[in-house]
């Protein structure tokens, strides 16, 4: 996900390194979500679109729910 967000110019190298620097996966996830949300709607959409392309059985783990667009 981090690499994808970097490739899509959602994150810069410094932001990617900041996220990677957190010790626990929960802290990394929190940092990533906070960083992307601060960047606005486009960044959030890029991340959610990437995550919703994953198998639907993973969505609850990611805290996602299906929308009419994804059905």
PDB file of N, CA and C in Angstrom:
ATOM      1  N   UNK A   1       0.833  -1.194   0.000  1.00  0.00           N
ATOM      2  CA  UNK A   1       0.000   0.000   0.000  1.00  0.00           C
ATOM      3  C   UNK A   1       0.871   1.248   0.000  1.00  0.00           C
ATOM      4  N   UNK A   2       1.900   1.260   0.846  1.00  0.00           N
ATOM      5  CA  UNK A   2       2.777   2.446   0.892  1.00  0.00           C
ATOM      6  C   UNK A   2       3.432   2.694  -0.457  1.00  0.00           C
ATOM      7  N   UNK A   3       3.936   1.635  -1.064  1.00  0.00           N
ATOM      8  CA  UNK A   3       4.596   1.787  -2.365  1.00  0.00           C
ATOM      9  C   UNK A   3       3.609   2.316  -3.404  1.00  0.00           C
ATOM     10  N   UNK A   4       2.395   1.763  -3.397  1.00  0.00           N
ATOM     11  CA  UNK A   4       1.370   2.208  -4.337  1.00  0.00           C
ATOM     12  C   UNK A   4       1.045   3.691  -4.127  1.00  0.00           C
ATOM     13  N   UNK A   5       0.853   4.097  -2.869  1.00  0.00           N
ATOM     14  CA  UNK A   5       0.536   5.498  -2.586  1.00  0.00           C
ATOM     15  C   UNK A   5       1.689   6.412  -2.980  1.00  0.00           C
ATOM     16  N   UNK A   6       2.907   5.937  -2.848  1.00  0.00           N
ATOM     17  CA  UNK A   6       4.073   6.721  -3.282  1.00  0.00           C
ATOM     18  C   UNK A   6       4.085   6.836  -4.805  1.00  0.00           C
ATOM     19  N   UNK A   7       3.821   5.724  -5.495  1.00  0.00           N
ATOM     20  CA  UNK A   7       3.786   5.734  -6.954  1.00  0.00           C
ATOM     21  C   UNK A   7       2.690   6.640  -7.500  1.00  0.00           C
ATOM     22  N   UNK A   8       1.589   6.738  -6.770  1.00  0.00           N
ATOM     23  CA  UNK A   8       0.461   7.582  -7.191  1.00  0.00           C
ATOM     24  C   UNK A   8       0.628   9.032  -6.720  1.00  0.00           C
ATOM     25  N   UNK A   9       1.786   9.349  -6.164  1.00  0.00           N
ATOM     26  CA  UNK A   9       2.090  10.695  -5.667  1.00  0.00           C
ATOM     27  C   UNK A   9       1.147  11.162  -4.572  1.00  0.00           C
ATOM     28  N   UNK A  10       0.619  10.205  -3.814  1.00  0.00           N
ATOM     29  CA  UNK A  10      -0.184  10.549  -2.643  1.00  0.00           C
ATOM     30  C   UNK A  10       0.759  10.865  -1.484  1.00  0.00           C
ATOM     31  N   UNK A  11       1.813  10.064  -1.341  1.00  0.00           N
ATOM     32  CA  UNK A  11       2.821  10.282  -0.304  1.00  0.00           C
ATOM     33  C   UNK A  11       4.142  10.662  -0.953  1.00  0.00           C
ATOM     34  N   UNK A  12       4.916  11.487  -0.250  1.00  0.00           N
ATOM     35  CA  UNK A  12       6.281  11.729  -0.698  1.00  0.00           C
ATOM     36  C   UNK A  12       7.209  10.798   0.086  1.00  0.00           C
ATOM     37  N   UNK A  13       8.483  10.804  -0.248  1.00  0.00           N
ATOM     38  CA  UNK A  13       9.426   9.890   0.406  1.00  0.00           C
ATOM     39  C   UNK A  13       9.481  10.100   1.914  1.00  0.00           C
ATOM     40  N   UNK A  14       9.459  11.352   2.341  1.00  0.00           N
ATOM     41  CA  UNK A  14       9.532  11.645   3.775  1.00  0.00           C
ATOM     42  C   UNK A  14       8.322  11.094   4.519  1.00  0.00           C
ATOM     43  N   UNK A  15       7.139  11.277   3.937  1.00  0.00           N
ATOM     44  CA  UNK A  15       5.917  10.768   4.574  1.00  0.00           C
ATOM     45  C   UNK A  15       5.932   9.240   4.629  1.00  0.00           C
ATOM     46  N   UNK A  16       6.390   8.609   3.566  1.00  0.00           N
ATOM     47  CA  UNK A  16       6.489   7.146   3.539  1.00  0.00           C
ATOM     48  C   UNK A  16       7.439   6.661   4.634  1.00  0.00           C
ATOM     49  N   UNK A  17       8.573   7.309   4.781  1.00  0.00           N
ATOM     50  CA  UNK A  17       9.541   6.928   5.806  1.00  0.00           C
ATOM     51  C   UNK A  17       8.983   7.151   7.212  1.00  0.00           C
ATOM     52  N   UNK A  18       8.203   8.214   7.387  1.00  0.00           N
ATOM     53  CA  UNK A  18       7.586   8.478   8.686  1.00  0.00           C
ATOM     54  C   UNK A  18       6.645   7.347   9.062  1.00  0.00           C
ATOM     55  N   UNK A  19       5.816   6.922   8.126  1.00  0.00           N
ATOM     56  CA  UNK A  19       4.886   5.818   8.391  1.00  0.00           C
ATOM     57  C   UNK A  19       5.671   4.549   8.713  1.00  0.00           C
ATOM     58  N   UNK A  20       6.697   4.267   7.944  1.00  0.00           N
ATOM     59  CA  UNK A  20       7.486   3.053   8.150  1.00  0.00           C
ATOM     60  C   UNK A  20       8.223   3.066   9.489  1.00  0.00           C
ATOM     61  N   UNK A  21       8.448   4.238  10.063  1.00  0.00           N
ATOM     62  CA  UNK A  21       9.205   4.351  11.292  1.00  0.00           C
ATOM     63  C   UNK A  21       8.464   3.956  12.552  1.00  0.00           C
ATOM     64  N   UNK A  22       7.149   3.812  12.490  1.00  0.00           N
ATOM     65  CA  UNK A  22       6.372   3.424  13.666  1.00  0.00           C
ATOM     66  C   UNK A  22       6.604   1.956  13.981  1.00  0.00           C
ATOM     67  N   UNK A  23       6.627   1.624  15.270  1.00  0.00           N
ATOM     68  CA  UNK A  23       6.974   0.278  15.724  1.00  0.00           C
ATOM     69  C   UNK A  23       5.878  -0.765  15.460  1.00  0.00           C
ATOM     70  N   UNK A  24       4.630  -0.447  15.761  1.00  0.00           N
ATOM     71  CA  UNK A  24       3.572  -1.447  15.618  1.00  0.00           C
ATOM     72  C   UNK A  24       2.780  -1.217  14.335  1.00  0.00           C
ATOM     73  N   UNK A  25       2.164  -2.275  13.843  1.00  0.00           N
ATOM     74  CA  UNK A  25       1.362  -2.140  12.630  1.00  0.00           C
ATOM     75  C   UNK A  25       0.164  -1.224  12.867  1.00  0.00           C
ATOM     76  N   UNK A  26      -0.365  -1.235  14.096  1.00  0.00           N
ATOM     77  CA  UNK A  26      -1.485  -0.354  14.409  1.00  0.00           C
ATOM     78  C   UNK A  26      -1.057   1.109  14.329  1.00  0.00           C
ATOM     79  N   UNK A  27       0.124   1.425  14.853  1.00  0.00           N
ATOM     80  CA  UNK A  27       0.620   2.801  14.787  1.00  0.00           C
ATOM     81  C   UNK A  27       0.920   3.213  13.353  1.00  0.00           C
ATOM     82  N   UNK A  28       1.470   2.289  12.562  1.00  0.00           N
ATOM     83  CA  UNK A  28       1.743   2.593  11.153  1.00  0.00           C
ATOM     84  C   UNK A  28       0.442   2.866  10.409  1.00  0.00           C
ATOM     85  N   UNK A  29      -0.572   2.031  10.667  1.00  0.00           N
ATOM     86  CA  UNK A  29      -1.864   2.215  10.001  1.00  0.00           C
ATOM     87  C   UNK A  29      -2.485   3.553  10.397  1.00  0.00           C
ATOM     88  N   UNK A  30      -2.441   3.871  11.678  1.00  0.00           N
ATOM     89  CA  UNK A  30      -3.004   5.133  12.167  1.00  0.00           C
ATOM     90  C   UNK A  30      -2.287   6.324  11.530  1.00  0.00           C
ATOM     91  N   UNK A  31      -0.971   6.259  11.481  1.00  0.00           N
ATOM     92  CA  UNK A  31      -0.175   7.331  10.891  1.00  0.00           C
ATOM     93  C   UNK A  31      -0.497   7.487   9.405  1.00  0.00           C
ATOM     94  N   UNK A  32      -0.588   6.363   8.694  1.00  0.00           N
ATOM     95  CA  UNK A  32      -0.892   6.405   7.264  1.00  0.00           C
ATOM     96  C   UNK A  32      -2.265   7.013   7.019  1.00  0.00           C
ATOM     97  N   UNK A  33      -3.264   6.549   7.747  1.00  0.00           N
ATOM     98  CA  UNK A  33      -4.620   7.059   7.559  1.00  0.00           C
ATOM     99  C   UNK A  33      -4.679   8.552   7.880  1.00  0.00           C
ATOM    100  N   UNK A  34      -4.072   8.964   8.973  1.00  0.00           N
ATOM    101  CA  UNK A  34      -4.058  10.388   9.336  1.00  0.00           C
ATOM    102  C   UNK A  34      -3.377  11.223   8.254  1.00  0.00           C
ATOM    103  N   UNK A  35      -2.250  10.730   7.750  1.00  0.00           N
ATOM    104  CA  UNK A  35      -1.500  11.467   6.724  1.00  0.00           C
ATOM    105  C   UNK A  35      -2.318  11.603   5.452  1.00  0.00           C
ATOM    106  N   UNK A  36      -2.930  10.514   5.013  1.00  0.00           N
ATOM    107  CA  UNK A  36      -3.716  10.542   3.777  1.00  0.00           C
ATOM    108  C   UNK A  36      -4.946  11.429   3.943  1.00  0.00           C
ATOM    109  N   UNK A  37      -5.622  11.334   5.081  1.00  0.00           N
ATOM    110  CA  UNK A  37      -6.816  12.159   5.291  1.00  0.00           C
ATOM    111  C   UNK A  37      -6.494  13.652   5.246  1.00  0.00           C
ATOM    112  N   UNK A  38      -5.335  14.032   5.774  1.00  0.00           N
ATOM    113  CA  UNK A  38      -4.937  15.444   5.753  1.00  0.00           C
ATOM    114  C   UNK A  38      -4.704  15.952   4.339  1.00  0.00           C
ATOM    115  N   UNK A  39      -4.446  15.035   3.410  1.00  0.00           N
ATOM    116  CA  UNK A  39      -4.166  15.412   2.040  1.00  0.00           C
ATOM    117  C   UNK A  39      -5.433  15.640   1.214  1.00  0.00           C
ATOM    118  N   UNK A  40      -6.574  15.271   1.764  1.00  0.00           N
ATOM    119  CA  UNK A  40      -7.821  15.588   1.096  1.00  0.00           C
ATOM    120  C   UNK A  40      -8.499  14.427   0.397  1.00  0.00           C
ATOM    121  N   UNK A  41      -9.530  14.792  -0.343  1.00  0.00           N
ATOM    122  CA  UNK A  41     -10.420  13.812  -0.952  1.00  0.00           C
ATOM    123  C   UNK A  41      -9.727  12.933  -1.991  1.00  0.00           C
ATOM    124  N   UNK A  42      -8.915  13.520  -2.855  1.00  0.00           N
ATOM    125  CA  UNK A  42      -8.249  12.725  -3.894  1.00  0.00           C
ATOM    126  C   UNK A  42      -7.363  11.652  -3.273  1.00  0.00           C
ATOM    127  N   UNK A  43      -6.559  12.030  -2.297  1.00  0.00           N
ATOM    128  CA  UNK A  43      -5.660  11.076  -1.656  1.00  0.00           C
ATOM    129  C   UNK A  43      -6.446   9.970  -0.964  1.00  0.00           C
ATOM    130  N   UNK A  44      -7.507  10.353  -0.265  1.00  0.00           N
ATOM    131  CA  UNK A  44      -8.336   9.362   0.417  1.00  0.00           C
ATOM    132  C   UNK A  44      -8.989   8.410  -0.576  1.00  0.00           C
ATOM    133  N   UNK A  45      -9.458   8.942  -1.685  1.00  0.00           N
ATOM    134  CA  UNK A  45     -10.088   8.125  -2.714  1.00  0.00           C
ATOM    135  C   UNK A  45      -9.098   7.135  -3.312  1.00  0.00           C
ATOM    136  N   UNK A  46      -7.876   7.574  -3.575  1.00  0.00           N
ATOM    137  CA  UNK A  46      -6.854   6.681  -4.121  1.00  0.00           C
ATOM    138  C   UNK A  46      -6.617   5.516  -3.162  1.00  0.00           C
ATOM    139  N   UNK A  47      -6.499   5.811  -1.873  1.00  0.00           N
ATOM    140  CA  UNK A  47      -6.242   4.759  -0.900  1.00  0.00           C
ATOM    141  C   UNK A  47      -7.432   3.801  -0.775  1.00  0.00           C
ATOM    142  N   UNK A  48      -8.630   4.336  -0.656  1.00  0.00           N
ATOM    143  CA  UNK A  48      -9.813   3.485  -0.510  1.00  0.00           C
ATOM    144  C   UNK A  48     -10.022   2.647  -1.767  1.00  0.00           C
ATOM    145  N   UNK A  49      -9.828   3.235  -2.943  1.00  0.00           N
ATOM    146  CA  UNK A  49      -9.966   2.474  -4.184  1.00  0.00           C
ATOM    147  C   UNK A  49      -8.987   1.305  -4.214  1.00  0.00           C
ATOM    148  N   UNK A  50      -7.764   1.536  -3.798  1.00  0.00           N
ATOM    149  CA  UNK A  50      -6.767   0.469  -3.756  1.00  0.00           C
ATOM    150  C   UNK A  50      -7.218  -0.642  -2.800  1.00  0.00           C
ATOM    151  N   UNK A  51      -7.668  -0.247  -1.628  1.00  0.00           N
ATOM    152  CA  UNK A  51      -8.070  -1.235  -0.629  1.00  0.00           C
ATOM    153  C   UNK A  51      -9.304  -2.019  -1.054  1.00  0.00           C
ATOM    154  N   UNK A  52     -10.249  -1.379  -1.727  1.00  0.00           N
ATOM    155  CA  UNK A  52     -11.472  -2.072  -2.127  1.00  0.00           C
ATOM    156  C   UNK A  52     -11.249  -2.981  -3.322  1.00  0.00           C
ATOM    157  N   UNK A  53     -10.098  -2.895  -3.962  1.00  0.00           N
ATOM    158  CA  UNK A  53      -9.764  -3.839  -5.026  1.00  0.00           C
ATOM    159  C   UNK A  53      -9.309  -5.173  -4.446  1.00  0.00           C
ATOM    160  N   UNK A  54      -9.052  -5.201  -3.153  1.00  0.00           N
ATOM    161  CA  UNK A  54      -8.654  -6.438  -2.480  1.00  0.00           C
ATOM    162  C   UNK A  54      -9.883  -7.329  -2.323  1.00  0.00           C
ATOM    163  N   UNK A  55      -9.689  -8.625  -2.104  1.00  0.00           N
ATOM    164  CA  UNK A  55     -10.841  -9.531  -1.975  1.00  0.00           C
ATOM    165  C   UNK A  55     -11.819  -9.065  -0.894  1.00  0.00           C
ATOM    166  N   UNK A  56     -13.116  -9.125  -1.176  1.00  0.00           N
ATOM    167  CA  UNK A  56     -14.134  -8.657  -0.217  1.00  0.00           C
ATOM    168  C   UNK A  56     -14.040  -9.296   1.160  1.00  0.00           C
ATOM    169  N   UNK A  57     -13.542 -10.524   1.254  1.00  0.00           N
ATOM    170  CA  UNK A  57     -13.440 -11.155   2.574  1.00  0.00           C
ATOM    171  C   UNK A  57     -12.419 -10.457   3.467  1.00  0.00           C
ATOM    172  N   UNK A  58     -11.544  -9.624   2.889  1.00  0.00           N
ATOM    173  CA  UNK A  58     -10.587  -8.861   3.687  1.00  0.00           C
ATOM    174  C   UNK A  58     -11.162  -7.526   4.169  1.00  0.00           C
ATOM    175  N   UNK A  59     -12.268  -7.087   3.587  1.00  0.00           N
ATOM    176  CA  UNK A  59     -12.818  -5.779   3.920  1.00  0.00           C
ATOM    177  C   UNK A  59     -13.094  -5.582   5.396  1.00  0.00           C
ATOM    178  N   UNK A  60     -13.709  -6.539   6.098  1.00  0.00           N
ATOM    179  CA  UNK A  60     -13.929  -6.324   7.532  1.00  0.00           C
ATOM    180  C   UNK A  60     -12.626  -6.111   8.295  1.00  0.00           C
ATOM    181  N   UNK A  61     -11.586  -6.825   7.919  1.00  0.00           N
ATOM    182  CA  UNK A  61     -10.281  -6.665   8.560  1.00  0.00           C
ATOM    183  C   UNK A  61      -9.749  -5.255   8.343  1.00  0.00           C
ATOM    184  N   UNK A  62     -10.050  -4.692   7.164  1.00  0.00           N
ATOM    185  CA  UNK A  62      -9.592  -3.349   6.829  1.00  0.00           C
ATOM    186  C   UNK A  62     -10.553  -2.273   7.325  1.00  0.00           C
ATOM    187  N   UNK A  63     -11.667  -2.685   7.912  1.00  0.00           N
ATOM    188  CA  UNK A  63     -12.650  -1.721   8.395  1.00  0.00           C
ATOM    189  C   UNK A  63     -13.492  -1.135   7.270  1.00  0.00           C
ATOM    190  N   UNK A  64     -13.592  -1.853   6.161  1.00  0.00           N
ATOM    191  CA  UNK A  64     -14.355  -1.367   5.015  1.00  0.00           C
ATOM    192  C   UNK A  64     -15.684  -2.103   4.926  1.00  0.00           C
ATOM    193  N   UNK A  65     -16.657  -1.459   4.324  1.00  0.00           N
ATOM    194  CA  UNK A  65     -17.946  -2.102   4.066  1.00  0.00           C
ATOM    195  C   UNK A  65     -18.262  -1.925   2.598  1.00  0.00           C
ATOM    196  N   UNK A  66     -18.985  -2.877   2.009  1.00  0.00           N
ATOM    197  CA  UNK A  66     -19.323  -2.756   0.585  1.00  0.00           C
ATOM    198  C   UNK A  66     -20.272  -1.588   0.353  1.00  0.00           C
ATOM    199  N   UNK A  67     -20.103  -0.952  -0.780  1.00  0.00           N
ATOM    200  CA  UNK A  67     -21.028   0.107  -1.223  1.00  0.00           C
ATOM    201  C   UNK A  67     -21.749  -0.390  -2.452  1.00  0.00           C
ATOM    202  N   UNK A  68     -22.749   0.337  -2.886  1.00  0.00           N
ATOM    203  CA  UNK A  68     -23.471  -0.069  -4.084  1.00  0.00           C
ATOM    204  C   UNK A  68     -22.548  -0.090  -5.292  1.00  0.00           C
ATOM    205  N   UNK A  69     -21.493   0.743  -5.303  1.00  0.00           N
ATOM    206  CA  UNK A  69     -20.544   0.775  -6.406  1.00  0.00           C
ATOM    207  C   UNK A  69     -19.710  -0.486  -6.475  1.00  0.00           C
ATOM    208  N   UNK A  70     -19.479  -1.127  -5.334  1.00  0.00           N
ATOM    209  CA  UNK A  70     -18.591  -2.280  -5.305  1.00  0.00           C
ATOM    210  C   UNK A  70     -19.333  -3.599  -5.444  1.00  0.00           C
ATOM    211  N   UNK A  71     -20.668  -3.563  -5.495  1.00  0.00           N
ATOM    212  CA  UNK A  71     -21.453  -4.790  -5.599  1.00  0.00           C
ATOM    213  C   UNK A  71     -21.725  -5.128  -7.032  1.00  0.00           C
TER     214      UNK A  71
END
